[in-house]
Amino acid sequence: MSKSKKLKRRIILIAVLAAIVFLYYYIELPAINIHSGGFWGFMILIAILLVAVLRVLPLIKRSQEDGISPDFRGDKPLRVGIIIVGALILIFIIGSILSSPIVNAGKYQKLLTVQEGDFASDIEEVDIKTIPLLDKDSATLLGNRKMGSMADMVSQFEVADDYSQINYQDAPVRVSPLTYASPIKWLTNQSSGIPAYMKIDMATQDTELVKLDKPIRYSKGEHFNRNIYRHLRFKYPTYIFDNLFFEIDDEGTPWYICSVKKFTIGLFGGQTIGRVVLCNAQTGECQDLAVEDVPQWVDKVYSAELLTQFYDYYGTLKHGWLNSVLGQKDCLTTTDGYNYLAIDDDVWVYTGVTSVTGDQSIVGFVLMNQRTKETKFYSVTGAVENSAMGSAEGQVQNLGYRATFPLLLNISDQPTYFLALKDDSGLVKKYALVNVQKYQIVAIGDTVSECQENYAKLLATNDIGTEVKESQSARGIIEKMVQVVVEGNTHFYIMLEGDENLYDVNVAENLDVLRFDVGDRITIEYTEGVDSCIVSEIK
């Protein structure tokens, strides 16, 4: 074969190799960073392809032309190439071992700083109107139901699976962008972008499809350069991104909160968050910030999974890695789930802390700030969340309802699990409050307010917390009477002449209220509530 043909063939092989490498990079998007496992895989792939294209294939072709077997062992450049590939693999393996908790237990244990907290002072007593009633599954049901009613969009878009829990204007909400219903729908709609996102108030269950003046053009549902991961990779080729969270700012503008991994132990160990990139989902404009400079409206910098992993390192590696596996002295770990708590416009991850022996009790619980990583431990003995779920389900076992993972609340200065009880279709039917320390104390109610009243009575019966408020009476002429529906139940709110109190009458419990109207003189028995007086009898 002439030299010109050999050169041409080699150029074609190199072009094919370059195309393969580019395609791999474009699809997998590895960070050009020695701390990224994907980067080492990328480098090993390139080295193998170079050896194959530049040495193995030419040797095979030459041997076929000469009619002899290829001499792989005698080819010095091939040996050098194999040594380079082996060296890269060896560096990756050694780097992984030297970065692990096995040899760095002390460093891993210090990734998290834990403070002692006081439950009663740190966590304000709950206002039942702000309790997040929905978990992600229930929010998904409401979002899909709302989307199904939007005739102009439902055939082209669906709700993405994000449903990030954030604080928006002092209210707990879940937000999720729309996404294209299929690749064909993407093809026909990508030029105009995604027109809206879903917002669900977790306390009131109000579901709103927020239509935008400017569409979302950068999202996980895009397939080429406007794909949010690809957009970030080309803009920040060396950054190793962690989870991407969809959030909205105080003006309702959609953003992606993109945490950047930082490795502090060896090549691949001690992962934490070093920087945060805020990407405007409408324009693609980015802000690259240090963690301490992240604005207050951002709620999710550290994922719940990363924070619980931090605490597991903190709790199990106090006496070294070997003790965490064998003796397990003083080893503590987080329980099997977590939930979220809103405090001072931040979202905190809640999870119980138990011994590694797997008993059914907690020694306390931790709250971890998703924006700052601040962590507080509260020493409380009681039941693990699964036991509380079982206690709540036992109260309605004839109905077959299943409990959601608990939310931790402060009720009468008592750590209390709040759970929703759902039927087989995923709809919330009842609510439960379970005392953390005495999980046999379980209150059930059709509404949150009813559940709280029942719980207060149980606390008083067991000499825990505040006593049940004494019943009082009032008499007067009805000045105003308004009918409303609260959590599916009909209530009348009544005001009497010369009386500033607002009286709440649950029709299901006081049918006699239907006999009265404005101008009638009545006598009512009531107990004082937060915003209104709860009527127990009317005559």
Protein backbone atom coordinates (compact mmCIF):
# COMPACT_ATOMS: atom_id res chain seq x y z
CA MET A 1 0.00 0.00 0.00
CA SER A 2 1.33 3.43 -0.95
CA LYS A 3 2.26 5.97 1.67
CA SER A 4 -0.51 8.33 0.52
CA LYS A 5 -3.16 5.63 1.04
CA LYS A 6 -1.77 4.80 4.47
CA LEU A 7 -1.83 8.47 5.43
CA LYS A 8 -5.38 8.84 4.15
CA ARG A 9 -6.52 5.78 6.11
CA ARG A 10 -4.85 7.05 9.25
CA ILE A 11 -6.52 10.45 8.88
CA ILE A 12 -9.92 8.74 8.51
CA LEU A 13 -9.29 6.61 11.60
CA ILE A 14 -8.27 9.67 13.63
CA ALA A 15 -11.39 11.54 12.42
CA VAL A 16 -13.60 8.62 13.44
CA LEU A 17 -11.83 8.50 16.80
CA ALA A 18 -12.36 12.23 17.32
CA ALA A 19 -16.06 11.85 16.46
CA ILE A 20 -16.46 9.01 18.98
CA VAL A 21 -14.70 10.99 21.69
CA PHE A 22 -16.83 14.11 21.00
CA LEU A 23 -20.05 12.09 20.97
CA TYR A 24 -19.14 10.43 24.27
CA TYR A 25 -18.34 13.81 25.82
CA TYR A 26 -21.51 15.41 24.46
CA ILE A 27 -23.72 12.64 25.87
CA GLU A 28 -21.98 11.80 29.18
CA LEU A 29 -20.75 15.35 29.96
CA PRO A 30 -17.81 14.43 32.24
CA ALA A 31 -16.21 17.29 34.15
CA ILE A 32 -12.62 18.05 33.14
CA ASN A 33 -11.48 17.65 36.72
CA ILE A 34 -9.17 15.09 38.34
CA HIS A 35 -11.63 14.71 41.24
CA SER A 36 -14.33 13.44 38.89
CA GLY A 37 -14.66 9.67 38.41
CA GLY A 38 -16.25 10.38 35.03
CA PHE A 39 -13.13 12.27 33.95
CA TRP A 40 -10.91 9.25 34.65
CA GLY A 41 -13.30 7.02 32.74
CA PHE A 42 -13.14 9.50 29.85
CA MET A 43 -9.34 9.53 29.89
CA ILE A 44 -9.13 5.72 30.03
CA LEU A 45 -11.55 5.47 27.10
CA ILE A 46 -9.46 7.90 25.03
CA ALA A 47 -6.24 6.02 25.85
CA ILE A 48 -7.78 2.66 24.84
CA LEU A 49 -9.13 4.10 21.58
CA LEU A 50 -5.77 5.70 20.74
CA VAL A 51 -3.94 2.43 21.31
CA ALA A 52 -6.50 0.52 19.27
CA VAL A 53 -6.60 2.98 16.35
CA LEU A 54 -2.93 3.95 16.15
CA ARG A 55 -1.26 0.61 16.96
CA VAL A 56 -3.54 -2.47 17.14
CA LEU A 57 -5.46 -1.91 13.89
CA PRO A 58 -2.32 -1.01 11.84
CA LEU A 59 -0.53 -4.10 13.18
CA ILE A 60 -3.44 -6.35 12.23
CA LYS A 61 -3.70 -4.77 8.78
CA ARG A 62 0.04 -5.08 8.16
CA SER A 63 0.11 -8.72 9.24
CA GLN A 64 -2.78 -9.50 6.89
CA GLU A 65 -0.92 -7.91 4.00
CA ASP A 66 2.28 -9.83 4.84
CA GLY A 67 0.43 -13.06 5.55
CA ILE A 68 1.87 -13.44 9.08
CA SER A 69 0.51 -13.27 12.62
CA PRO A 70 0.60 -9.78 14.23
CA ASP A 71 3.48 -9.34 16.70
CA PHE A 72 1.76 -7.51 19.57
CA ARG A 73 4.47 -8.37 22.12
CA GLY A 74 7.32 -7.04 20.04
CA ASP A 75 5.72 -3.67 19.28
CA LYS A 76 7.27 -1.12 21.64
CA PRO A 77 4.71 1.73 21.05
CA LEU A 78 1.90 -0.74 21.80
CA ARG A 79 3.57 -1.75 25.07
CA VAL A 80 3.91 1.91 26.02
CA GLY A 81 0.23 2.46 25.25
CA ILE A 82 -0.83 -0.51 27.36
CA ILE A 83 1.35 0.71 30.23
CA ILE A 84 -0.31 4.14 30.04
CA VAL A 85 -3.81 2.59 30.12
CA GLY A 86 -2.81 0.37 33.05
CA ALA A 87 -1.30 3.32 34.90
CA LEU A 88 -4.51 5.33 34.53
CA ILE A 89 -6.59 2.43 35.86
CA LEU A 90 -4.14 1.89 38.73
CA ILE A 91 -4.18 5.57 39.71
CA PHE A 92 -8.00 5.51 39.73
CA ILE A 93 -8.10 2.39 41.96
CA ILE A 94 -5.43 3.64 44.39
CA GLY A 95 -7.02 7.08 44.50
CA SER A 96 -10.40 5.53 45.36
CA ILE A 97 -8.91 3.47 48.20
CA LEU A 98 -6.91 6.36 49.67
CA SER A 99 -10.02 8.59 49.49
CA SER A 100 -12.28 6.16 51.37
CA PRO A 101 -13.38 6.26 55.04
CA ILE A 102 -11.35 3.11 55.63
CA VAL A 103 -8.14 5.15 55.80
CA ASN A 104 -9.62 8.58 56.51
CA ALA A 105 -12.23 7.92 59.21
CA GLY A 106 -11.21 10.93 61.30
CA LYS A 107 -11.46 13.34 58.37
CA TYR A 108 -14.86 12.02 57.34
CA GLN A 109 -16.14 12.30 60.91
CA LYS A 110 -15.24 16.00 60.92
CA LEU A 111 -17.11 16.86 57.73
CA LEU A 112 -20.05 17.99 59.86
CA THR A 113 -20.14 20.23 62.93
CA VAL A 114 -23.07 19.42 65.21
CA GLN A 115 -24.46 21.77 67.86
CA GLU A 116 -26.72 20.88 70.79
CA GLY A 117 -30.18 22.42 70.40
CA ASP A 118 -33.09 23.18 72.72
CA PHE A 119 -36.31 21.95 71.15
CA ALA A 120 -38.77 24.26 72.92
CA SER A 121 -36.78 27.44 72.20
CA ASP A 122 -35.48 26.60 68.71
CA ILE A 123 -38.75 25.34 67.23
CA GLU A 124 -41.77 27.55 67.75
CA GLU A 125 -45.09 25.97 68.61
CA VAL A 126 -46.87 25.13 65.41
CA ASP A 127 -49.66 27.15 63.82
CA ILE A 128 -52.00 24.53 62.36
CA LYS A 129 -52.65 26.78 59.36
CA THR A 130 -49.02 26.46 58.23
CA ILE A 131 -48.58 22.68 58.61
CA PRO A 132 -47.45 21.12 55.30
CA LEU A 133 -50.16 18.54 54.73
CA LEU A 134 -48.77 17.02 51.54
CA ASP A 135 -45.86 14.75 50.81
CA LYS A 136 -44.35 14.52 47.33
CA ASP A 137 -46.69 11.72 46.22
CA SER A 138 -49.80 13.69 47.21
CA ALA A 139 -48.42 16.83 45.56
CA THR A 140 -47.85 14.81 42.38
CA LEU A 141 -51.49 13.67 42.40
CA LEU A 142 -52.72 17.25 42.77
CA GLY A 143 -50.32 18.50 40.09
CA ASN A 144 -51.38 15.85 37.59
CA ARG A 145 -55.05 16.52 38.34
CA LYS A 146 -54.56 20.25 37.75
CA MET A 147 -52.61 19.57 34.57
CA GLY A 148 -55.42 17.34 33.32
CA SER A 149 -57.82 20.28 33.54
CA MET A 150 -55.66 22.52 31.31
CA ALA A 151 -57.08 21.63 27.91
CA ASP A 152 -54.71 23.98 26.07
CA MET A 153 -51.55 22.35 27.50
CA VAL A 154 -52.25 18.79 28.61
CA SER A 155 -51.77 17.31 25.14
CA GLN A 156 -48.34 18.92 24.75
CA PHE A 157 -46.86 19.09 28.27
CA GLU A 158 -46.81 17.21 31.54
CA VAL A 159 -45.53 18.09 35.00
CA ALA A 160 -41.88 17.21 35.64
CA ASP A 161 -41.03 15.04 38.62
CA ASP A 162 -39.08 17.73 40.54
CA TYR A 163 -41.66 18.97 43.07
CA SER A 164 -38.99 20.73 45.14
CA GLN A 165 -40.17 21.77 48.62
CA ILE A 166 -39.28 25.40 49.29
CA ASN A 167 -40.45 28.37 51.34
CA TYR A 168 -42.15 30.93 49.12
CA GLN A 169 -43.31 34.16 50.73
CA ASP A 170 -43.32 32.47 54.18
CA ALA A 171 -45.44 29.54 52.98
CA PRO A 172 -44.32 25.93 52.38
CA VAL A 173 -44.84 25.08 48.72
CA ARG A 174 -43.73 22.50 46.18
CA VAL A 175 -42.79 23.70 42.71
CA SER A 176 -42.12 21.78 39.52
CA PRO A 177 -41.71 22.93 35.91
CA LEU A 178 -43.68 21.52 33.03
CA THR A 179 -41.83 19.34 30.57
CA TYR A 180 -42.51 18.09 27.06
CA ALA A 181 -44.91 15.15 26.93
CA SER A 182 -42.77 13.22 24.40
CA PRO A 183 -39.84 13.71 21.98
CA ILE A 184 -42.35 14.54 19.24
CA LYS A 185 -43.99 17.18 21.48
CA TRP A 186 -40.50 18.56 22.18
CA LEU A 187 -39.84 18.82 18.45
CA THR A 188 -43.04 20.81 17.87
CA ASN A 189 -42.81 23.03 20.97
CA GLN A 190 -39.11 23.57 21.71
CA SER A 191 -38.93 26.77 19.66
CA SER A 192 -41.46 28.44 21.97
CA GLY A 193 -40.20 26.81 25.20
CA ILE A 194 -42.05 25.68 28.34
CA PRO A 195 -44.82 28.14 29.23
CA ALA A 196 -45.49 27.44 32.93
CA TYR A 197 -44.65 25.71 36.18
CA MET A 198 -46.79 24.10 38.88
CA LYS A 199 -46.98 25.56 42.40
CA ILE A 200 -48.75 23.74 45.24
CA ASP A 201 -49.32 25.26 48.67
CA MET A 202 -48.63 22.40 51.08
CA ALA A 203 -50.71 23.91 53.89
CA THR A 204 -53.86 24.90 51.99
CA GLN A 205 -53.46 22.37 49.13
CA ASP A 206 -54.15 25.18 46.64
CA THR A 207 -52.74 24.14 43.26
CA GLU A 208 -51.80 26.77 40.69
CA LEU A 209 -50.39 26.50 37.19
CA VAL A 210 -48.26 29.64 36.96
CA LYS A 211 -48.09 30.88 33.37
CA LEU A 212 -44.96 32.85 32.54
CA ASP A 213 -44.47 36.01 30.48
CA LYS A 214 -41.19 34.53 29.25
CA PRO A 215 -41.00 30.75 28.71
CA ILE A 216 -38.57 28.35 30.36
CA ARG A 217 -35.95 27.63 27.70
CA TYR A 218 -33.37 25.73 29.76
CA SER A 219 -34.59 22.57 31.46
CA LYS A 220 -33.97 18.86 31.99
CA GLY A 221 -36.49 18.14 29.23
CA GLU A 222 -34.42 19.71 26.45
CA HIS A 223 -32.34 17.40 24.25
CA PHE A 224 -29.48 19.48 22.85
CA ASN A 225 -27.62 22.63 23.88
CA ARG A 226 -30.54 23.99 25.92
CA ASN A 227 -30.53 20.92 28.13
CA ILE A 228 -29.69 22.39 31.55
CA TYR A 229 -26.91 19.85 32.24
CA ARG A 230 -25.26 20.46 28.84
CA HIS A 231 -25.66 24.23 29.17
CA LEU A 232 -23.88 24.16 32.53
CA ARG A 233 -21.15 21.78 31.35
CA PHE A 234 -20.15 23.95 28.38
CA LYS A 235 -20.22 27.06 30.58
CA TYR A 236 -18.33 25.48 33.49
CA PRO A 237 -16.30 22.56 32.03
CA THR A 238 -14.35 21.89 35.27
CA TYR A 239 -17.26 22.00 37.73
CA ILE A 240 -18.58 18.73 39.16
CA PHE A 241 -22.27 19.38 39.69
CA ASP A 242 -24.34 17.68 42.36
CA ASN A 243 -28.16 17.71 42.32
CA LEU A 244 -29.97 20.43 40.40
CA PHE A 245 -32.97 21.88 42.26
CA PHE A 246 -35.80 23.79 40.61
CA GLU A 247 -36.83 26.81 42.70
CA ILE A 248 -38.55 30.17 42.29
CA ASP A 249 -37.40 33.47 43.79
CA ASP A 250 -39.60 35.92 45.68
CA GLU A 251 -40.90 37.35 42.38
CA GLY A 252 -41.83 33.91 41.04
CA THR A 253 -38.95 33.73 38.54
CA PRO A 254 -37.88 30.11 37.87
CA TRP A 255 -34.26 29.14 38.60
CA TYR A 256 -32.12 26.03 38.77
CA ILE A 257 -29.97 25.85 41.90
CA CYS A 258 -26.84 23.95 40.82
CA SER A 259 -24.57 22.86 43.67
CA VAL A 260 -20.90 22.30 42.79
CA LYS A 261 -19.14 19.38 44.46
CA LYS A 262 -15.92 19.91 46.36
CA PHE A 263 -13.72 16.97 47.39
CA THR A 264 -11.67 17.50 50.53
CA ILE A 265 -10.17 14.03 51.14
CA GLY A 266 -7.85 12.55 48.52
CA LEU A 267 -9.00 12.37 44.90
CA PHE A 268 -12.61 11.33 45.34
CA GLY A 269 -13.43 11.56 49.06
CA GLY A 270 -14.93 14.03 51.50
CA GLN A 271 -17.56 15.38 49.12
CA THR A 272 -19.14 18.64 50.22
CA ILE A 273 -20.42 21.74 48.38
CA GLY A 274 -17.87 24.35 47.35
CA ARG A 275 -19.83 26.75 45.14
CA VAL A 276 -23.35 27.26 43.83
CA VAL A 277 -24.40 28.26 40.32
CA LEU A 278 -27.80 29.93 39.98
CA CYS A 279 -29.13 29.47 36.44
CA ASN A 280 -32.12 31.49 35.25
CA ALA A 281 -34.36 28.88 33.60
CA GLN A 282 -35.80 31.48 31.21
CA THR A 283 -32.63 33.16 29.91
CA GLY A 284 -29.84 30.71 30.79
CA GLU A 285 -27.89 33.47 32.55
CA CYS A 286 -25.80 32.15 35.45
CA GLN A 287 -24.45 33.48 38.73
CA ASP A 288 -21.43 31.69 40.21
CA LEU A 289 -21.44 32.18 43.98
CA ALA A 290 -19.64 30.96 47.07
CA VAL A 291 -21.93 29.03 49.42
CA GLU A 292 -21.91 31.83 52.00
CA ASP A 293 -23.01 34.35 49.34
CA VAL A 294 -26.13 32.46 48.24
CA PRO A 295 -29.20 34.73 48.61
CA GLN A 296 -31.78 34.08 51.35
CA TRP A 297 -34.54 32.99 48.96
CA VAL A 298 -32.51 29.95 47.91
CA ASP A 299 -33.53 26.97 50.03
CA LYS A 300 -31.67 23.95 48.63
CA VAL A 301 -27.88 23.97 48.39
CA TYR A 302 -27.18 20.69 50.19
CA SER A 303 -29.38 17.74 49.26
CA ALA A 304 -31.13 15.84 52.04
CA GLU A 305 -29.23 12.70 51.05
CA LEU A 306 -25.85 14.44 51.37
CA LEU A 307 -26.73 15.91 54.78
CA THR A 308 -27.89 12.58 56.19
CA GLN A 309 -24.70 10.99 54.84
CA PHE A 310 -22.68 13.67 56.66
CA TYR A 311 -24.40 12.78 59.92
CA ASP A 312 -23.90 9.06 59.37
CA TYR A 313 -20.16 9.70 59.04
CA TYR A 314 -20.27 11.88 62.16
CA GLY A 315 -22.19 9.30 64.19
CA THR A 316 -20.45 6.08 63.15
CA LEU A 317 -16.77 7.05 62.78
CA LYS A 318 -16.09 8.51 66.23
CA HIS A 319 -13.77 5.63 67.11
CA GLY A 320 -12.51 4.79 63.62
CA TRP A 321 -13.74 2.77 60.68
CA LEU A 322 -12.99 -0.65 62.18
CA ASN A 323 -15.16 0.12 65.23
CA SER A 324 -18.01 1.19 62.93
CA VAL A 325 -17.96 -2.30 61.38
CA LEU A 326 -17.11 -4.60 64.31
CA GLY A 327 -17.43 -3.25 67.87
CA GLN A 328 -19.80 -0.39 66.94
CA LYS A 329 -19.25 1.33 70.28
CA ASP A 330 -21.06 4.72 70.50
CA CYS A 331 -22.16 4.39 66.87
CA LEU A 332 -25.24 6.34 65.88
CA THR A 333 -26.95 6.62 62.52
CA THR A 334 -29.92 8.35 60.96
CA THR A 335 -33.22 6.53 60.63
CA ASP A 336 -34.75 5.23 57.41
CA GLY A 337 -36.26 8.48 56.15
CA TYR A 338 -36.40 12.24 56.45
CA ASN A 339 -38.79 15.14 56.11
CA TYR A 340 -38.59 18.91 55.94
CA LEU A 341 -39.26 21.68 58.45
CA ALA A 342 -39.58 25.40 57.69
CA ILE A 343 -37.77 27.65 60.21
CA ASP A 344 -36.97 31.35 59.66
CA ASP A 345 -37.43 31.19 55.87
CA ASP A 346 -35.04 28.25 55.55
CA VAL A 347 -35.76 24.60 54.86
CA TRP A 348 -34.29 22.18 57.40
CA VAL A 349 -34.02 18.43 56.94
CA TYR A 350 -35.38 16.45 59.86
CA THR A 351 -34.40 12.86 60.64
CA GLY A 352 -34.26 10.73 63.75
CA VAL A 353 -31.02 9.36 65.23
CA THR A 354 -30.81 5.78 66.47
CA SER A 355 -28.15 3.22 67.36
CA VAL A 356 -26.70 1.08 64.58
CA THR A 357 -28.05 -2.05 66.26
CA GLY A 358 -31.40 -1.36 64.60
CA ASP A 359 -33.65 -1.07 67.68
CA GLN A 360 -37.00 0.70 67.43
CA SER A 361 -36.14 3.79 69.47
CA ILE A 362 -34.38 7.06 68.83
CA VAL A 363 -31.86 8.77 71.07
CA GLY A 364 -32.66 12.11 69.50
CA PHE A 365 -33.07 13.81 66.18
CA VAL A 366 -31.20 16.30 64.03
CA LEU A 367 -32.21 19.35 62.03
CA MET A 368 -29.91 20.25 59.12
CA ASN A 369 -30.14 23.50 57.18
CA GLN A 370 -30.19 22.84 53.43
CA ARG A 371 -28.72 26.26 52.63
CA THR A 372 -25.95 26.59 55.22
CA LYS A 373 -25.33 22.99 56.47
CA GLU A 374 -25.90 24.18 60.05
CA THR A 375 -26.82 21.10 62.11
CA LYS A 376 -28.44 20.83 65.54
CA PHE A 377 -28.95 17.70 67.61
CA TYR A 378 -31.84 17.39 70.05
CA SER A 379 -31.61 14.73 72.74
CA VAL A 380 -35.05 13.08 72.92
CA THR A 381 -35.76 9.44 73.59
CA GLY A 382 -38.76 7.96 71.86
CA ALA A 383 -40.03 5.90 68.99
CA VAL A 384 -38.50 5.79 65.54
CA GLU A 385 -40.65 7.15 62.76
CA ASN A 386 -41.67 3.70 61.52
CA SER A 387 -43.04 2.83 64.97
CA ALA A 388 -45.05 6.05 65.04
CA MET A 389 -46.38 5.25 61.57
CA GLY A 390 -47.39 1.82 62.79
CA SER A 391 -49.15 3.32 65.83
CA ALA A 392 -51.14 5.70 63.64
CA GLU A 393 -52.07 2.96 61.19
CA GLY A 394 -53.16 0.77 64.10
CA GLN A 395 -55.78 3.34 65.07
CA VAL A 396 -57.44 2.99 61.65
CA GLN A 397 -56.53 -0.60 60.81
CA ASN A 398 -60.15 -1.38 59.91
CA LEU A 399 -59.90 1.22 57.12
CA GLY A 400 -56.54 0.05 55.77
CA TYR A 401 -55.04 3.57 55.56
CA ARG A 402 -51.28 3.97 55.19
CA ALA A 403 -49.27 6.65 57.01
CA THR A 404 -46.89 9.08 55.34
CA PHE A 405 -43.41 9.64 56.76
CA PRO A 406 -43.82 11.93 59.81
CA LEU A 407 -43.23 15.65 60.03
CA LEU A 408 -41.79 16.85 63.35
CA LEU A 409 -43.82 19.55 65.13
CA ASN A 410 -43.76 21.38 68.45
CA ILE A 411 -47.14 21.06 70.15
CA SER A 412 -47.34 22.24 73.76
CA ASP A 413 -43.52 22.07 73.85
CA GLN A 414 -43.77 18.37 73.04
CA PRO A 415 -41.88 16.84 70.08
CA THR A 416 -44.76 15.43 68.06
CA TYR A 417 -44.99 13.46 64.84
CA PHE A 418 -47.60 14.68 62.37
CA LEU A 419 -48.73 12.15 59.76
CA ALA A 420 -51.29 12.03 56.99
CA LEU A 421 -53.25 8.81 56.53
CA LYS A 422 -53.95 7.90 52.90
CA ASP A 423 -56.15 5.34 51.21
CA ASP A 424 -55.07 2.95 48.46
CA SER A 425 -55.57 5.63 45.79
CA GLY A 426 -53.17 8.00 47.55
CA LEU A 427 -55.81 10.44 48.81
CA VAL A 428 -55.47 11.87 52.33
CA LYS A 429 -58.40 10.76 54.47
CA LYS A 430 -57.34 11.48 58.05
CA TYR A 431 -54.56 13.06 60.09
CA ALA A 432 -52.63 11.79 63.10
CA LEU A 433 -50.47 13.25 65.86
CA VAL A 434 -48.15 10.89 67.74
CA ASN A 435 -46.11 11.87 70.77
CA VAL A 436 -42.41 11.15 70.09
CA GLN A 437 -41.56 10.10 73.64
CA LYS A 438 -44.79 8.17 74.29
CA TYR A 439 -45.86 6.88 70.92
CA GLN A 440 -48.87 5.14 72.46
CA ILE A 441 -50.44 8.62 72.63
CA VAL A 442 -52.05 8.85 69.20
CA ALA A 443 -54.71 11.37 68.15
CA ILE A 444 -56.72 10.92 64.95
CA GLY A 445 -58.95 13.48 63.23
CA ASP A 446 -60.73 14.10 59.96
CA THR A 447 -59.27 17.62 59.96
CA VAL A 448 -56.02 19.01 61.32
CA SER A 449 -57.84 21.19 63.86
CA GLU A 450 -59.89 18.23 65.11
CA CYS A 451 -56.74 16.14 65.35
CA GLN A 452 -55.00 18.85 67.38
CA GLU A 453 -57.95 19.15 69.77
CA ASN A 454 -57.96 15.40 70.35
CA TYR A 455 -54.21 15.44 70.91
CA ALA A 456 -54.47 18.23 73.50
CA LYS A 457 -57.05 16.19 75.42
CA LEU A 458 -54.79 13.14 75.39
CA LEU A 459 -51.83 15.18 76.65
CA ALA A 460 -53.93 16.52 79.50
CA THR A 461 -55.23 13.05 80.33
CA ASN A 462 -51.65 11.79 80.55
CA ASP A 463 -50.47 14.86 82.51
CA ILE A 464 -48.30 16.03 79.62
CA GLY A 465 -48.11 19.57 78.26
CA THR A 466 -50.87 22.11 78.77
CA GLU A 467 -54.26 21.35 80.17
CA VAL A 468 -57.47 21.39 78.18
CA LYS A 469 -58.89 24.90 78.15
CA GLU A 470 -62.01 25.40 80.25
CA SER A 471 -65.34 25.80 78.51
CA GLN A 472 -66.90 29.27 78.60
CA SER A 473 -70.29 30.63 77.61
CA ALA A 474 -71.53 33.69 75.74
CA ARG A 475 -74.98 35.07 75.01
CA GLY A 476 -76.13 37.67 72.53
CA ILE A 477 -77.81 38.56 69.25
CA ILE A 478 -76.27 37.30 66.01
CA GLU A 479 -74.84 40.30 64.15
CA LYS A 480 -73.07 38.44 61.33
CA MET A 481 -73.16 34.81 60.19
CA VAL A 482 -71.00 33.46 57.33
CA GLN A 483 -70.88 29.91 55.95
CA VAL A 484 -67.53 28.54 54.73
CA VAL A 485 -66.01 25.15 53.91
CA VAL A 486 -62.85 24.28 55.86
CA GLU A 487 -60.92 21.14 54.83
CA GLY A 488 -64.09 19.64 53.34
CA ASN A 489 -66.34 20.42 56.36
CA THR A 490 -69.02 23.12 56.55
CA HIS A 491 -68.52 25.73 59.28
CA PHE A 492 -70.47 28.83 60.32
CA TYR A 493 -68.52 31.81 61.65
CA ILE A 494 -70.67 33.93 63.95
CA MET A 495 -70.23 37.38 65.51
CA LEU A 496 -72.49 38.65 68.29
CA GLU A 497 -73.52 42.28 68.84
CA GLY A 498 -71.03 44.03 71.12
CA ASP A 499 -68.72 40.99 71.17
CA GLU A 500 -65.34 41.07 69.39
CA ASN A 501 -64.90 37.29 69.44
CA LEU A 502 -65.27 35.19 66.29
CA TYR A 503 -67.12 31.92 66.98
CA ASP A 504 -66.44 28.84 64.84
CA VAL A 505 -69.31 26.33 64.61
CA ASN A 506 -68.66 22.96 62.93
CA VAL A 507 -72.01 22.02 61.37
CA ALA A 508 -71.27 18.29 61.58
CA GLU A 509 -70.99 18.59 65.37
CA ASN A 510 -73.69 21.26 65.93
CA LEU A 511 -76.59 20.77 63.56
CA ASP A 512 -78.72 23.13 65.65
CA VAL A 513 -76.82 26.06 64.10
CA LEU A 514 -79.00 25.60 61.01
CA ARG A 515 -82.02 26.77 63.05
CA PHE A 516 -80.58 30.26 63.59
CA ASP A 517 -80.08 33.39 61.50
CA VAL A 518 -78.93 37.00 61.88
CA GLY A 519 -80.99 38.75 64.56
CA ASP A 520 -81.63 35.63 66.68
CA ARG A 521 -80.58 35.59 70.33
CA ILE A 522 -78.39 32.57 71.17
CA THR A 523 -76.32 31.06 73.95
CA ILE A 524 -73.13 29.24 73.06
CA GLU A 525 -70.57 27.13 74.92
CA TYR A 526 -67.01 27.49 73.59
CA THR A 527 -63.29 27.14 74.24
CA GLU A 528 -60.72 29.72 73.19
CA GLY A 529 -58.70 28.98 70.06
CA VAL A 530 -55.87 30.75 68.25
CA ASP A 531 -57.89 32.83 65.78
CA SER A 532 -61.44 31.97 66.81
CA CYS A 533 -63.46 30.43 69.61
CA ILE A 534 -64.40 26.79 69.04
CA VAL A 535 -68.11 26.29 69.72
CA SER A 536 -69.10 23.02 71.41
CA GLU A 537 -72.81 23.77 71.90
CA ILE A 538 -75.31 26.32 70.59
CA LYS A 539 -78.86 26.94 71.81
